[in-house]
Structures are given as C-alpha cells and as structure tokens.
C-alpha cells in the first residue's frame, strides 16, 4: 500500500517521496497476470494518493460504443458509478477532450445519466474525481473515485502524481489487453488450423477408404456365386480382412488426431523411454538383419513429458525407419544428448537415423501433412499418412520441435527437441 505524500515544505523531500511512490507503483503493475488484479492495484493506489476511499475502473469495450465497469474498490453506489457508460456521455466526451483529471464533477457530467434531473440531488454534489487513462491520445479507460465525506483538496503535487500514475496504469492496461488479444488470436489460429486439417482429413479419408470398400463390396457380390470355390474364398477373405483392419486403423488414427491432445505431463527420463521403445522393435529389427546402434547421453536431464505420447512418437519414427530400410542389411542409430540455447534454456534431443532409401526433396516439405505417405507401394507397409502428422502435433503440444533431413539412397534422420527441467 502506498503512503500519502508528506506535507513537508521541502520540495526535495516531496519530490523524493513522489519518485519512490511512482517506482513502487510501476513495480506492482509491471507484470500483471490478470485484468482484475491489475485493476485492483490501480484503484487501490489512486485511492491512497487522492484520499478518495471508493472508486470504479471503467474500460473501453471492443465495440467502442461504451465503457464497462470492470472493478470497484471500497463501497460505491450504482448511482455514482453505473455498470456501463456510453461513449457519447458528457463525462466521456469531457475526459476524451481534456485528457486530464477532472476534480469535482458538475451536475452535467454526472456519470449516472445524461440528464442530471434523473439523478438524486445528493449524488452530483458529492465529491467525485475522474482520472482518464490515455494511450496515444485515445481514452481507453478511466477511474471514477468518490468520497461521501467533505471534498478533498488536492495539491498540485498530488495532481501531478496522480497523472503520472494514471499514465503508468494506462501503459500496463494497454499491454495486458494486447497480450490477451494475442493469446486469443493464437487460440483461434490453432482452432482454425485444426479445422483446416480436418477438412483435408475428410477428403483424404474418402480417398483412402474407397479402395478397401471396393474390394469388400466385390467379395460380397461374388461370394454367393463362388461359395464352393475354396481358393477364391480363402484368398478374398484374407484381402477383405486386411482391408477391414486398414479401415479400423485409419479411423483410430483420425480420432487420435481430431481430439485435443493436451499432454498429461510427468517428470520423466527420456533415455528410459527411448530404451523401452528400442526393446519393443528389437525382435523385428533382428529378423530383418538390421543393426540397432544406440548412443544415449549418460547425464541427460529429465523433462516434463507425457510418457505415452512420446512413446507413440518414437515408435512411429522407429517403425518408419525399419520400413525405409526394408529387409536389410541396414543400420538404425538412435542418439540422445543435451544442449543449451544462448539464453541458458536446457533442451533434450533425440536423433533417429536410418540407412534406408531416403526421402525425395520434393516430398520433404509435405512429410508432416495429413494423409501424405510414400508407403503405397505394398499392401503390407501401406500407411495412412497420419502417423507423422500426429507425431508433429504431439511434439508441438510439448513445446518442442521436430525436423527431418534426408538424402535419397543414403537415409533419413529425424531430430526431436524437447525442453528439459533445470538441474
């Protein structure tokens, strides 16, 4: 709480105390976390300096048609400070035009009504102080302070101090509003991106599901005529089962992608997660003659991760690497290490490098797009094209990055970067 300015006649003492007051106030509002908390700081300090014990803070709304009361301090009657005030109200017009504090409102500026006859006679006569908050010449907010007691005489020093505090409050309020607008815009962009992706997915789903449905339909049509042909029934049953499994897998991956995937973070050892994934694919790699090499940093810091989601990403990349190598021989190398950015932030990194066929340059920029896949050459390894899209989304939700470099005929490396906990 800010103490009132002392009444010493020594100008240097008054000036020193004023500077301390301003410094303390700016420190309090320097990093506002919520509009309500910032408004409370503004009203509390303006009240302490002015001696007006009650007040309201009004904020210009997005429609720019009225100011809305967003916070109150003390006990203030709705007759003195109504919930909203139109921008064409005489008080608003006076504050916007004069752009300085109005001490003692005349009846025509009473905030209760444009017509002073509508207000009780006691209201316009009560001491009221209107303090504008101006940004780039625009009134974005104002404080309306009220005292039911006798009028408080404000010195020139106090008026100057209130003006300085009001400007600091306006700057903090403007910064908070810009931050909130940016945050809402980012949320809207994420929702828009998801809707756009789902639109692509809808088209891709229709394309991907058409062929399996065609084979199933053909089998159903021919089965009555060839029910005694065991070779036909056996071969077509196998194909239909593969197509049904493919449709089920496609639907599950679409559901995984469509739902909001907010990670459930826990303190995890990334090396241990990598090891569990390598254990899972070891048998498959051995059967194909693929050698797995691992270089895991012994002092890798821990991180806040969703264990199951990171396993999903790593397994997807590891299985893709095995498919890219084929039947071998080949090598799959997995490395972890840590690094720091110039500002001192620690990160963990996982590199998954294969000696497979590589990815053509024209395909690299689309590698994380929904339904983009290069695995249509065989039924066994046919992909839905959503695995890497989901992996990219998961890493983004972890505030990390995923990149790919590839050379045709030599292999591909996927690099995952994740924030680490401070030691």
Protein backbone atom coordinates (compact mmCIF):
# COMPACT_ATOMS: atom_id res chain seq x y z
CA UNK A 1 0.00 0.00 0.00
CA UNK A 2 1.27 3.45 -0.96
CA UNK A 3 1.54 6.02 1.80
CA UNK A 4 0.19 9.55 1.26
CA UNK A 5 2.70 12.17 0.14
CA UNK A 6 4.06 14.01 3.20
CA UNK A 7 3.23 17.67 3.69
CA UNK A 8 6.83 18.85 4.18
CA UNK A 9 7.56 22.17 2.61
CA UNK A 10 10.98 20.99 1.46
CA UNK A 11 10.48 20.34 -2.28
CA UNK A 12 13.31 17.82 -2.43
CA UNK A 13 11.66 15.65 0.25
CA UNK A 14 8.33 15.76 -1.55
CA UNK A 15 9.98 15.01 -4.88
CA UNK A 16 11.91 12.09 -3.41
CA UNK A 17 8.78 10.57 -1.89
CA UNK A 18 6.89 11.04 -5.15
CA UNK A 19 9.62 9.20 -7.04
CA UNK A 20 9.50 6.33 -4.54
CA UNK A 21 5.72 6.21 -4.88
CA UNK A 22 5.86 6.05 -8.68
CA UNK A 23 8.63 3.41 -8.62
CA UNK A 24 6.69 1.24 -6.18
CA UNK A 25 3.51 1.54 -8.21
CA UNK A 26 5.20 0.68 -11.51
CA UNK A 27 6.87 -2.32 -9.90
CA UNK A 28 3.50 -3.58 -8.65
CA UNK A 29 1.86 -3.36 -12.06
CA UNK A 30 4.91 -4.28 -14.13
CA UNK A 31 3.87 -7.89 -14.84
CA UNK A 32 0.09 -8.10 -14.50
CA UNK A 33 -1.31 -11.63 -14.61
CA UNK A 34 -4.98 -10.76 -14.75
CA UNK A 35 -7.18 -7.81 -15.53
CA UNK A 36 -8.90 -7.97 -12.14
CA UNK A 37 -5.61 -7.89 -10.23
CA UNK A 38 -4.26 -5.02 -12.30
CA UNK A 39 -7.48 -3.04 -11.86
CA UNK A 40 -7.34 -3.60 -8.11
CA UNK A 41 -3.75 -2.25 -7.94
CA UNK A 42 -4.73 0.80 -9.98
CA UNK A 43 -7.75 1.71 -7.87
CA UNK A 44 -6.02 0.99 -4.56
CA UNK A 45 -3.09 3.26 -5.33
CA UNK A 46 -5.12 6.06 -6.87
CA UNK A 47 -7.38 5.98 -3.83
CA UNK A 48 -4.45 6.12 -1.40
CA UNK A 49 -2.85 9.08 -3.15
CA UNK A 50 -6.04 11.08 -3.67
CA UNK A 51 -7.74 10.36 -0.35
CA UNK A 52 -10.93 9.25 -2.16
CA UNK A 53 -11.85 6.00 -0.45
CA UNK A 54 -14.18 4.47 -3.04
CA UNK A 55 -13.88 4.02 -6.77
CA UNK A 56 -14.57 2.16 -10.01
CA UNK A 57 -12.47 1.45 -13.08
CA UNK A 58 -14.16 1.62 -16.49
CA UNK A 59 -12.71 0.02 -19.62
CA UNK A 60 -13.49 0.79 -23.27
CA UNK A 61 -15.15 -2.24 -24.85
CA UNK A 62 -14.26 -3.79 -28.20
CA UNK A 63 -17.30 -2.28 -29.90
CA UNK A 64 -16.02 1.19 -28.88
CA UNK A 65 -19.60 2.15 -28.05
CA UNK A 66 -19.46 2.14 -24.28
CA UNK A 67 -17.23 1.82 -21.22
CA UNK A 68 -17.91 -1.06 -18.82
CA UNK A 69 -17.22 -1.06 -15.09
CA UNK A 70 -14.65 -3.85 -14.62
CA UNK A 71 -13.62 -3.37 -10.98
CA UNK A 72 -14.64 -1.50 -7.85
CA UNK A 73 -12.80 -0.50 -4.69
CA UNK A 74 -14.49 0.30 -1.39
CA UNK A 75 -18.25 0.89 -1.42
CA UNK A 76 -19.61 2.83 -4.33
CA UNK A 77 -23.27 3.30 -5.22
CA UNK A 78 -24.56 2.44 -8.69
CA UNK A 79 -25.99 5.96 -8.78
CA UNK A 80 -22.43 7.28 -8.73
CA UNK A 81 -20.90 4.58 -10.98
CA UNK A 82 -23.37 2.70 -13.21
CA UNK A 83 -22.36 -0.63 -14.84
CA UNK A 84 -21.87 0.95 -18.26
CA UNK A 85 -21.48 4.46 -19.67
CA UNK A 86 -21.96 5.25 -23.36
CA UNK A 87 -19.10 6.90 -25.25
CA UNK A 88 -21.31 9.90 -26.08
CA UNK A 89 -21.96 10.63 -22.41
CA UNK A 90 -20.84 14.18 -21.46
CA UNK A 91 -18.35 12.77 -18.90
CA UNK A 92 -16.66 10.56 -21.51
CA UNK A 93 -16.56 13.35 -24.05
CA UNK A 94 -15.05 15.72 -21.47
CA UNK A 95 -12.35 13.22 -20.45
CA UNK A 96 -11.50 12.40 -24.07
CA UNK A 97 -11.30 16.09 -25.00
CA UNK A 98 -9.49 17.50 -21.95
CA UNK A 99 -7.33 14.39 -21.29
CA UNK A 100 -6.61 15.44 -17.72
CA UNK A 101 -8.09 14.80 -14.29
CA UNK A 102 -11.49 16.33 -13.57
CA UNK A 103 -11.73 17.24 -9.90
CA UNK A 104 -15.28 17.81 -8.71
CA UNK A 105 -17.83 16.90 -11.37
CA UNK A 106 -20.52 19.43 -12.16
CA UNK A 107 -24.09 18.07 -12.45
CA UNK A 108 -23.94 17.95 -16.27
CA UNK A 109 -21.05 15.43 -16.05
CA UNK A 110 -22.75 13.17 -13.53
CA UNK A 111 -21.99 9.59 -14.67
CA UNK A 112 -25.42 8.35 -13.63
CA UNK A 113 -27.32 9.91 -16.52
CA UNK A 114 -27.06 12.33 -19.40
CA UNK A 115 -29.91 14.20 -17.78
CA UNK A 116 -29.00 15.42 -14.32
CA UNK A 117 -32.70 15.66 -13.42
CA UNK A 118 -32.76 11.86 -13.30
CA UNK A 119 -30.15 11.74 -10.55
CA UNK A 120 -30.83 12.28 -6.85
CA UNK A 121 -29.77 15.75 -5.75
CA UNK A 122 -27.26 14.32 -3.29
CA UNK A 123 -25.24 12.49 -5.94
CA UNK A 124 -23.96 15.37 -8.12
CA UNK A 125 -22.97 17.30 -5.00
CA UNK A 126 -20.81 14.51 -3.55
CA UNK A 127 -17.06 14.86 -4.28
CA UNK A 128 -16.14 12.82 -7.39
CA UNK A 129 -12.79 12.57 -9.16
CA UNK A 130 -12.47 11.34 -12.75
CA UNK A 131 -8.98 10.19 -13.85
CA UNK A 132 -8.51 9.38 -17.56
CA UNK A 133 -6.18 6.63 -18.80
CA UNK A 134 -4.88 7.70 -22.19
CA UNK A 135 -2.90 5.74 -24.81
CA UNK A 136 -1.77 7.52 -27.99
CA UNK A 137 -4.36 10.22 -27.44
CA UNK A 138 -7.21 7.73 -27.00
CA UNK A 139 -9.23 7.30 -23.81
CA UNK A 140 -9.05 3.53 -23.16
CA UNK A 141 -10.19 3.59 -19.53
CA UNK A 142 -10.86 5.90 -16.62
CA UNK A 143 -11.11 5.72 -12.86
CA UNK A 144 -14.07 7.28 -11.09
CA UNK A 145 -13.23 7.98 -7.44
CA UNK A 146 -15.88 9.03 -4.94
CA UNK A 147 -15.96 10.30 -1.37
CA UNK A 148 -19.21 10.72 0.55
CA UNK A 149 -17.37 12.97 3.01
CA UNK A 150 -16.33 16.57 2.50
CA UNK A 151 -14.44 17.48 -0.64
CA UNK A 152 -10.77 16.57 -0.54
CA UNK A 153 -8.50 19.41 -1.63
CA UNK A 154 -5.74 18.03 -3.84
CA UNK A 155 -2.42 19.83 -4.06
CA UNK A 156 -0.65 20.39 -7.37
CA UNK A 157 1.95 17.78 -6.36
CA UNK A 158 -0.77 15.22 -5.73
CA UNK A 159 -2.48 16.01 -9.05
CA UNK A 160 0.83 15.62 -10.88
CA UNK A 161 1.49 12.35 -9.10
CA UNK A 162 -2.00 11.05 -9.97
CA UNK A 163 -1.37 12.00 -13.59
CA UNK A 164 1.90 10.07 -13.66
CA UNK A 165 0.31 7.02 -12.01
CA UNK A 166 -2.58 7.18 -14.47
CA UNK A 167 -0.17 7.09 -17.41
CA UNK A 168 1.69 4.13 -15.93
CA UNK A 169 -1.63 2.39 -15.34
CA UNK A 170 -2.71 3.09 -18.93
CA UNK A 171 0.51 1.57 -20.28
CA UNK A 172 0.16 -1.55 -18.14
CA UNK A 173 -3.51 -1.92 -19.03
CA UNK A 174 -2.79 -1.50 -22.74
CA UNK A 175 -0.01 -4.10 -22.60
CA UNK A 176 -2.25 -6.59 -20.82
CA UNK A 177 -5.06 -6.09 -23.34
CA UNK A 178 -2.64 -6.55 -26.26
CA UNK A 179 -1.34 -9.76 -24.66
CA UNK A 180 -4.87 -11.07 -24.13
CA UNK A 181 -5.82 -10.24 -27.72
CA UNK A 182 -2.69 -12.04 -28.95
CA UNK A 183 -3.41 -15.07 -26.80
CA UNK A 184 -6.99 -15.27 -28.07
CA UNK A 185 -5.79 -14.83 -31.65
CA UNK A 186 -3.32 -17.67 -31.22
CA UNK A 187 -6.03 -19.90 -29.79
CA UNK A 188 -8.27 -19.01 -32.73
CA UNK A 189 -5.44 -19.77 -35.16
CA UNK A 190 -4.90 -23.18 -33.56
CA UNK A 191 -8.61 -23.95 -33.86
CA UNK A 192 -8.61 -22.74 -37.46
CA UNK A 193 -5.58 -24.88 -38.30
CA UNK A 194 -7.28 -27.89 -36.74
CA UNK A 195 -10.46 -27.27 -38.75
CA UNK A 196 -8.43 -26.83 -41.92
CA UNK A 197 -6.58 -30.07 -41.20
CA UNK A 198 -9.83 -31.88 -40.53
CA UNK A 199 -11.10 -30.63 -43.89
CA UNK A 200 -8.03 -32.17 -45.53
CA UNK A 201 -8.53 -35.32 -43.47
CA UNK A 202 -12.15 -35.62 -44.62
CA UNK A 203 -11.03 -35.60 -48.25
CA UNK A 204 -8.17 -37.97 -47.52
CA UNK A 205 -10.42 -40.33 -45.60
CA UNK A 206 -12.82 -40.55 -48.55
CA UNK A 207 -9.92 -41.36 -50.86
CA UNK A 208 -8.22 -43.85 -48.54
CA UNK A 209 -11.36 -45.79 -47.69
CA UNK A 210 -12.64 -46.12 -51.27
CA UNK A 211 -10.32 -48.96 -52.35
CA UNK A 212 -10.88 -51.17 -49.28
CA UNK A 213 -14.64 -50.71 -49.56
CA UNK A 214 -14.48 -51.65 -53.24
CA UNK A 215 -12.75 -54.97 -52.50
CA UNK A 216 -15.19 -55.73 -49.67
CA UNK A 217 -18.16 -54.91 -51.92
CA UNK A 218 -16.76 -57.09 -54.71
CA UNK A 219 -16.29 -60.01 -52.33
CA UNK A 220 -19.86 -59.72 -51.04
CA UNK A 221 -21.21 -59.63 -54.60
CA UNK A 222 -19.19 -62.65 -55.80
CA UNK A 223 -19.36 -64.79 -52.66
CA UNK A 224 -22.86 -66.31 -53.34
CA UNK A 225 -21.82 -67.48 -56.81
CA UNK A 226 -18.39 -68.81 -55.77
CA UNK A 227 -19.10 -70.08 -52.28
CA UNK A 228 -17.81 -73.52 -53.27
CA UNK A 229 -14.50 -72.16 -54.63
CA UNK A 230 -12.28 -72.63 -51.59
CA UNK A 231 -9.28 -70.92 -53.20
CA UNK A 232 -11.36 -67.84 -54.06
CA UNK A 233 -12.99 -67.72 -50.60
CA UNK A 234 -9.67 -68.14 -48.82
CA UNK A 235 -7.76 -65.57 -50.87
CA UNK A 236 -10.51 -62.98 -50.89
CA UNK A 237 -11.19 -63.49 -47.16
CA UNK A 238 -7.56 -62.64 -46.46
CA UNK A 239 -7.77 -59.49 -48.59
CA UNK A 240 -11.04 -58.39 -47.03
CA UNK A 241 -9.66 -58.91 -43.51
CA UNK A 242 -6.62 -56.77 -44.37
CA UNK A 243 -8.90 -54.06 -45.73
CA UNK A 244 -11.13 -54.12 -42.65
CA UNK A 245 -8.07 -53.83 -40.41
CA UNK A 246 -6.84 -50.94 -42.52
CA UNK A 247 -10.18 -49.11 -42.18
CA UNK A 248 -10.14 -49.67 -38.40
CA UNK A 249 -6.57 -48.35 -38.17
CA UNK A 250 -7.46 -45.34 -40.31
CA UNK A 251 -10.48 -44.48 -38.15
CA UNK A 252 -8.46 -44.79 -34.93
CA UNK A 253 -5.70 -42.52 -36.24
CA UNK A 254 -8.26 -39.93 -37.36
CA UNK A 255 -9.82 -40.00 -33.88
CA UNK A 256 -6.37 -39.62 -32.31
CA UNK A 257 -5.64 -36.62 -34.50
CA UNK A 258 -9.06 -34.96 -34.21
CA UNK A 259 -9.29 -34.85 -30.44
CA UNK A 260 -7.44 -32.18 -28.48
CA UNK A 261 -4.25 -33.84 -27.28
CA UNK A 262 -3.28 -31.93 -24.17
CA UNK A 263 -0.31 -33.78 -22.68
CA UNK A 264 -0.51 -35.15 -19.15
CA UNK A 265 2.95 -34.07 -18.02
CA UNK A 266 5.02 -36.01 -15.52
CA UNK A 267 8.72 -35.92 -14.58
CA UNK A 268 10.28 -38.47 -16.98
CA UNK A 269 13.67 -39.90 -18.00
CA UNK A 270 13.80 -39.60 -21.81
CA UNK A 271 16.60 -42.17 -22.08
CA UNK A 272 14.42 -44.73 -20.31
CA UNK A 273 11.53 -44.05 -22.71
CA UNK A 274 13.88 -44.47 -25.68
CA UNK A 275 15.17 -47.77 -24.29
CA UNK A 276 11.65 -49.15 -23.82
CA UNK A 277 10.82 -48.30 -27.45
CA UNK A 278 14.03 -49.92 -28.75
CA UNK A 279 13.24 -53.05 -26.76
CA UNK A 280 9.87 -53.19 -28.49
CA UNK A 281 11.32 -53.12 -32.04
CA UNK A 282 14.46 -55.21 -31.39
CA UNK A 283 12.94 -58.55 -32.49
CA UNK A 284 11.59 -57.03 -35.70
CA UNK A 285 14.96 -55.44 -36.47
CA UNK A 286 16.85 -58.71 -35.82
CA UNK A 287 14.51 -60.64 -38.13
CA UNK A 288 15.37 -58.23 -40.95
CA UNK A 289 19.11 -58.14 -40.34
CA UNK A 290 19.00 -54.52 -39.22
CA UNK A 291 21.57 -53.47 -36.62
CA UNK A 292 20.44 -51.05 -33.91
CA UNK A 293 23.06 -48.68 -32.52
CA UNK A 294 22.30 -46.51 -29.51
CA UNK A 295 24.28 -43.65 -28.02
CA UNK A 296 22.39 -42.33 -25.01
CA UNK A 297 23.83 -39.37 -23.11
CA UNK A 298 24.61 -40.52 -19.54
CA UNK A 299 23.86 -37.13 -17.97
CA UNK A 300 20.71 -36.34 -19.95
CA UNK A 301 18.44 -34.08 -17.86
CA UNK A 302 14.89 -35.12 -17.09
CA UNK A 303 11.87 -33.45 -18.65
CA UNK A 304 8.16 -32.90 -18.11
CA UNK A 305 6.67 -35.26 -20.69
CA UNK A 306 3.56 -37.25 -21.45
CA UNK A 307 5.19 -40.68 -21.43
CA UNK A 308 2.62 -42.45 -23.63
CA UNK A 309 2.55 -39.67 -26.22
CA UNK A 310 6.36 -39.52 -26.52
CA UNK A 311 6.45 -43.32 -26.85
CA UNK A 312 3.88 -43.04 -29.62
CA UNK A 313 6.09 -40.53 -31.47
CA UNK A 314 9.29 -42.55 -31.05
CA UNK A 315 7.70 -45.87 -32.04
CA UNK A 316 6.20 -44.27 -35.12
CA UNK A 317 9.60 -42.92 -36.20
CA UNK A 318 11.42 -46.16 -35.36
CA UNK A 319 8.95 -48.35 -37.27
CA UNK A 320 9.09 -45.93 -40.20
CA UNK A 321 12.87 -46.25 -40.15
CA UNK A 322 12.67 -50.06 -40.24
CA UNK A 323 10.24 -49.89 -43.17
CA UNK A 324 12.55 -47.46 -45.01
CA UNK A 325 15.49 -49.87 -44.62
CA UNK A 326 13.39 -52.85 -45.71
CA UNK A 327 14.75 -56.36 -45.38
CA UNK A 328 18.28 -55.19 -44.66
CA UNK A 329 21.06 -55.27 -44.11
CA UNK A 330 20.99 -51.80 -42.65
CA UNK A 331 21.63 -49.69 -39.60
CA UNK A 332 19.32 -47.78 -37.28
CA UNK A 333 21.11 -45.35 -34.96
CA UNK A 334 19.42 -43.62 -32.01
CA UNK A 335 21.24 -40.87 -30.11
CA UNK A 336 20.29 -38.59 -27.24
CA UNK A 337 22.13 -35.55 -25.99
CA UNK A 338 21.52 -32.20 -24.34
CA UNK A 339 22.31 -28.63 -25.31
CA UNK A 340 21.66 -25.11 -24.16
CA UNK A 341 20.40 -22.16 -26.12
CA UNK A 342 22.27 -18.84 -25.78
CA UNK A 343 19.80 -17.57 -23.18
CA UNK A 344 20.61 -20.60 -21.00
CA UNK A 345 17.49 -22.74 -21.60
CA UNK A 346 18.24 -26.50 -21.48
CA UNK A 347 16.93 -28.94 -24.09
CA UNK A 348 16.96 -32.68 -24.71
CA UNK A 349 17.43 -34.01 -28.23
CA UNK A 350 16.73 -37.38 -29.85
CA UNK A 351 18.14 -38.28 -33.29
CA UNK A 352 16.73 -41.29 -35.17
CA UNK A 353 18.94 -42.05 -38.17
CA UNK A 354 18.38 -44.83 -40.71
CA UNK A 355 20.26 -46.09 -43.79
CA UNK A 356 17.09 -46.51 -45.78
CA UNK A 357 16.03 -45.32 -49.21
CA UNK A 358 15.68 -41.67 -48.14
CA UNK A 359 13.01 -39.12 -49.00
CA UNK A 360 12.91 -37.19 -52.25
CA UNK A 361 13.44 -33.41 -51.83
CA UNK A 362 10.01 -32.60 -53.27
CA UNK A 363 8.40 -34.77 -50.58
CA UNK A 364 10.28 -33.40 -47.57
CA UNK A 365 8.18 -30.24 -47.25
CA UNK A 366 5.00 -32.34 -47.13
CA UNK A 367 6.24 -35.04 -44.77
CA UNK A 368 4.09 -33.82 -41.83
CA UNK A 369 0.97 -33.09 -43.91
CA UNK A 370 -2.16 -35.17 -43.17
CA UNK A 371 -2.52 -38.20 -45.47
CA UNK A 372 0.82 -37.66 -47.16
CA UNK A 373 2.59 -41.01 -47.42
CA UNK A 374 5.14 -42.76 -49.62
CA UNK A 375 4.10 -46.23 -48.42
CA UNK A 376 1.57 -47.10 -51.15
CA UNK A 377 3.95 -49.50 -52.90
CA UNK A 378 2.90 -52.55 -50.91
CA UNK A 379 -0.16 -53.72 -49.02
CA UNK A 380 1.98 -54.84 -46.08
CA UNK A 381 3.52 -51.42 -45.42
CA UNK A 382 0.67 -49.24 -46.68
CA UNK A 383 0.42 -46.17 -44.46
CA UNK A 384 -2.46 -43.85 -43.69
CA UNK A 385 -0.25 -40.75 -43.80
CA UNK A 386 -1.35 -39.59 -40.34
CA UNK A 387 1.44 -41.02 -38.20
CA UNK A 388 3.90 -38.17 -38.75
CA UNK A 389 1.12 -35.59 -38.56
CA UNK A 390 0.15 -36.88 -35.12
CA UNK A 391 3.82 -37.03 -34.08
CA UNK A 392 4.29 -33.40 -35.14
CA UNK A 393 1.20 -32.36 -33.17
CA UNK A 394 2.37 -34.16 -30.02
CA UNK A 395 5.82 -32.52 -30.13
CA UNK A 396 4.21 -29.11 -30.66
CA UNK A 397 1.99 -29.70 -27.60
CA UNK A 398 5.19 -30.41 -25.64
CA UNK A 399 6.62 -27.04 -26.76
CA UNK A 400 9.30 -28.90 -28.72
CA UNK A 401 10.39 -29.19 -32.34
CA UNK A 402 10.72 -32.00 -34.86
CA UNK A 403 12.82 -31.75 -38.03
CA UNK A 404 13.86 -34.10 -40.81
CA UNK A 405 16.86 -34.23 -43.16
CA UNK A 406 17.18 -36.87 -45.84
CA UNK A 407 19.31 -37.90 -48.81
CA UNK A 408 17.90 -40.26 -51.43
CA UNK A 409 19.79 -43.54 -51.39
CA UNK A 410 21.60 -42.78 -48.12
CA UNK A 411 18.99 -42.43 -45.41
CA UNK A 412 16.93 -40.13 -43.22
CA UNK A 413 17.37 -38.50 -39.82
CA UNK A 414 14.53 -37.25 -37.64
CA UNK A 415 15.53 -34.88 -34.83
CA UNK A 416 13.25 -34.22 -31.85
CA UNK A 417 13.99 -31.37 -29.44
CA UNK A 418 12.19 -31.13 -26.10
CA UNK A 419 12.57 -28.67 -23.18
CA UNK A 420 14.43 -30.09 -20.20
CA UNK A 421 14.00 -29.48 -16.50
CA UNK A 422 16.59 -27.26 -14.87
CA UNK A 423 19.06 -29.33 -12.81
